[in-house]
């Protein structure tokens, strides 16, 4: 006894053939490439589509394409969340470094004021030492 059901691989090929004119009508090479990718990704799910045995084979193909797109969206959302977390971490580090930089700038300003004050005092001392006889 043979199988009474047409293998889904054949049904898949027939459905893809139905859309060959559609593919040829696409204007952009990029659209054709994406169209082929959709069909190629649906091919991965032929065993599941065979099990489903839906009376309209195109439904199984479209569900397979949709599943692959959902997987792509999920991967992109995961990457987006990871990048957002990385950005938040970098922003926090940037704020911390800005605070530290402001603190260091304040310390540098204080050192400069103290240095100028001491330099002025040293100049006064030198003038007093050098010209101590002048005051008499």
Protein backbone atom coordinates (compact mmCIF):
# COMPACT_ATOMS: atom_id res chain seq x y z
CA UNK A 1 0.00 0.00 0.00
CA UNK A 2 1.27 3.44 -0.90
CA UNK A 3 0.66 6.81 0.64
CA UNK A 4 -2.66 8.40 -0.25
CA UNK A 5 -1.49 11.91 0.60
CA UNK A 6 0.69 14.01 -1.71
CA UNK A 7 4.04 14.76 -0.04
CA UNK A 8 4.22 18.33 1.19
CA UNK A 9 7.53 18.78 -0.60
CA UNK A 10 5.64 18.47 -3.88
CA UNK A 11 2.86 20.75 -2.66
CA UNK A 12 5.49 23.27 -1.60
CA UNK A 13 7.07 23.16 -5.07
CA UNK A 14 3.65 23.67 -6.70
CA UNK A 15 2.86 26.64 -4.45
CA UNK A 16 6.23 28.18 -5.16
CA UNK A 17 5.65 27.70 -8.88
CA UNK A 18 2.34 29.56 -8.58
CA UNK A 19 4.29 32.58 -7.33
CA UNK A 20 7.04 32.47 -9.97
CA UNK A 21 5.27 35.09 -12.13
CA UNK A 22 4.86 37.27 -9.06
CA UNK A 23 8.59 37.00 -8.38
CA UNK A 24 9.47 37.88 -11.99
CA UNK A 25 7.18 40.92 -11.76
CA UNK A 26 9.08 42.31 -8.78
CA UNK A 27 11.07 45.33 -9.96
CA UNK A 28 13.90 45.45 -7.47
CA UNK A 29 16.59 42.80 -7.22
CA UNK A 30 16.52 43.27 -3.44
CA UNK A 31 12.80 42.40 -3.39
CA UNK A 32 13.48 39.26 -5.40
CA UNK A 33 16.27 38.29 -3.02
CA UNK A 34 14.02 38.82 0.02
CA UNK A 35 11.20 36.92 -1.67
CA UNK A 36 13.55 33.98 -2.25
CA UNK A 37 14.72 34.17 1.37
CA UNK A 38 11.12 33.95 2.59
CA UNK A 39 10.53 30.82 0.56
CA UNK A 40 13.88 29.39 1.60
CA UNK A 41 13.09 29.91 5.26
CA UNK A 42 9.68 28.30 4.84
CA UNK A 43 11.46 25.24 3.45
CA UNK A 44 12.92 24.56 6.91
CA UNK A 45 9.42 23.88 8.17
CA UNK A 46 8.32 21.37 5.53
CA UNK A 47 8.28 18.51 8.08
CA UNK A 48 5.98 20.50 10.39
CA UNK A 49 3.76 21.51 7.47
CA UNK A 50 3.55 17.86 6.44
CA UNK A 51 2.32 16.97 9.93
CA UNK A 52 -0.23 19.79 9.88
CA UNK A 53 -1.74 18.49 6.63
CA UNK A 54 -3.73 21.68 6.11
CA UNK A 55 -6.09 21.43 3.11
CA UNK A 56 -4.58 24.63 1.68
CA UNK A 57 -0.81 24.09 1.42
CA UNK A 58 -0.15 27.83 1.00
CA UNK A 59 -1.42 28.37 4.54
CA UNK A 60 1.34 26.15 5.91
CA UNK A 61 3.90 27.95 3.74
CA UNK A 62 2.71 31.37 4.94
CA UNK A 63 2.67 30.25 8.58
CA UNK A 64 6.23 28.96 8.13
CA UNK A 65 7.30 32.31 6.64
CA UNK A 66 5.57 34.16 9.45
CA UNK A 67 7.26 31.97 12.07
CA UNK A 68 10.66 32.78 10.59
CA UNK A 69 9.85 36.50 10.58
CA UNK A 70 8.76 36.27 14.21
CA UNK A 71 12.08 34.62 15.05
CA UNK A 72 13.91 37.47 13.30
CA UNK A 73 11.85 40.05 15.18
CA UNK A 74 12.53 38.28 18.47
CA UNK A 75 16.28 38.24 17.77
CA UNK A 76 16.24 41.93 16.85
CA UNK A 77 14.26 42.84 19.98
CA UNK A 78 16.71 40.89 22.11
CA UNK A 79 19.65 42.69 20.50
CA UNK A 80 17.86 46.02 20.90
CA UNK A 81 17.31 45.38 24.62
CA UNK A 82 20.97 44.39 25.02
CA UNK A 83 22.10 47.54 23.22
CA UNK A 84 19.75 49.69 25.30
CA UNK A 85 21.18 48.16 28.49
CA UNK A 86 24.70 48.78 27.21
CA UNK A 87 23.82 52.40 26.40
CA UNK A 88 22.36 52.92 29.89
CA UNK A 89 25.53 51.47 31.42
CA UNK A 90 27.75 53.71 29.28
CA UNK A 91 25.63 56.76 30.14
CA UNK A 92 25.95 55.94 33.85
CA UNK A 93 29.73 55.57 33.49
CA UNK A 94 29.85 58.82 31.55
CA UNK A 95 27.95 60.67 34.31
CA UNK A 96 30.26 59.18 36.95
CA UNK A 97 33.31 60.28 34.98
CA UNK A 98 31.84 63.77 34.49
CA UNK A 99 31.30 64.05 38.25
CA UNK A 100 34.85 62.90 38.89
CA UNK A 101 36.15 65.31 36.25
CA UNK A 102 34.27 68.21 37.87
CA UNK A 103 35.72 67.24 41.24
CA UNK A 104 39.23 67.12 39.79
CA UNK A 105 38.67 70.46 38.05
CA UNK A 106 37.60 71.98 41.36
CA UNK A 107 40.71 70.57 43.06
CA UNK A 108 42.88 71.89 40.24
CA UNK A 109 41.32 75.35 40.56
CA UNK A 110 41.98 75.31 44.32
CA UNK A 111 45.58 74.25 43.74
CA UNK A 112 46.04 77.01 41.20
CA UNK A 113 44.63 79.63 43.59
CA UNK A 114 46.88 78.32 46.38
CA UNK A 115 49.87 78.26 44.03
CA UNK A 116 49.29 81.84 42.91
CA UNK A 117 48.81 82.93 46.52
CA UNK A 118 52.04 81.25 47.62
CA UNK A 119 53.87 82.61 44.57
CA UNK A 120 52.77 86.11 45.49
CA UNK A 121 53.91 85.54 49.07
CA UNK A 122 57.28 84.27 47.83
CA UNK A 123 57.69 87.30 45.59
CA UNK A 124 56.91 89.59 48.51
CA UNK A 125 59.49 87.79 50.64
CA UNK A 126 62.11 88.06 47.91
CA UNK A 127 61.41 91.73 47.46
CA UNK A 128 61.70 92.29 51.20
CA UNK A 129 64.97 90.36 51.34
CA UNK A 130 66.45 92.02 48.29
CA UNK A 131 65.41 95.52 49.13
CA UNK A 132 65.54 95.37 52.91
CA UNK A 133 68.13 98.16 52.96
CA UNK A 134 65.95 100.32 50.76
CA UNK A 135 63.34 100.83 53.47
CA UNK A 136 65.86 102.38 55.86
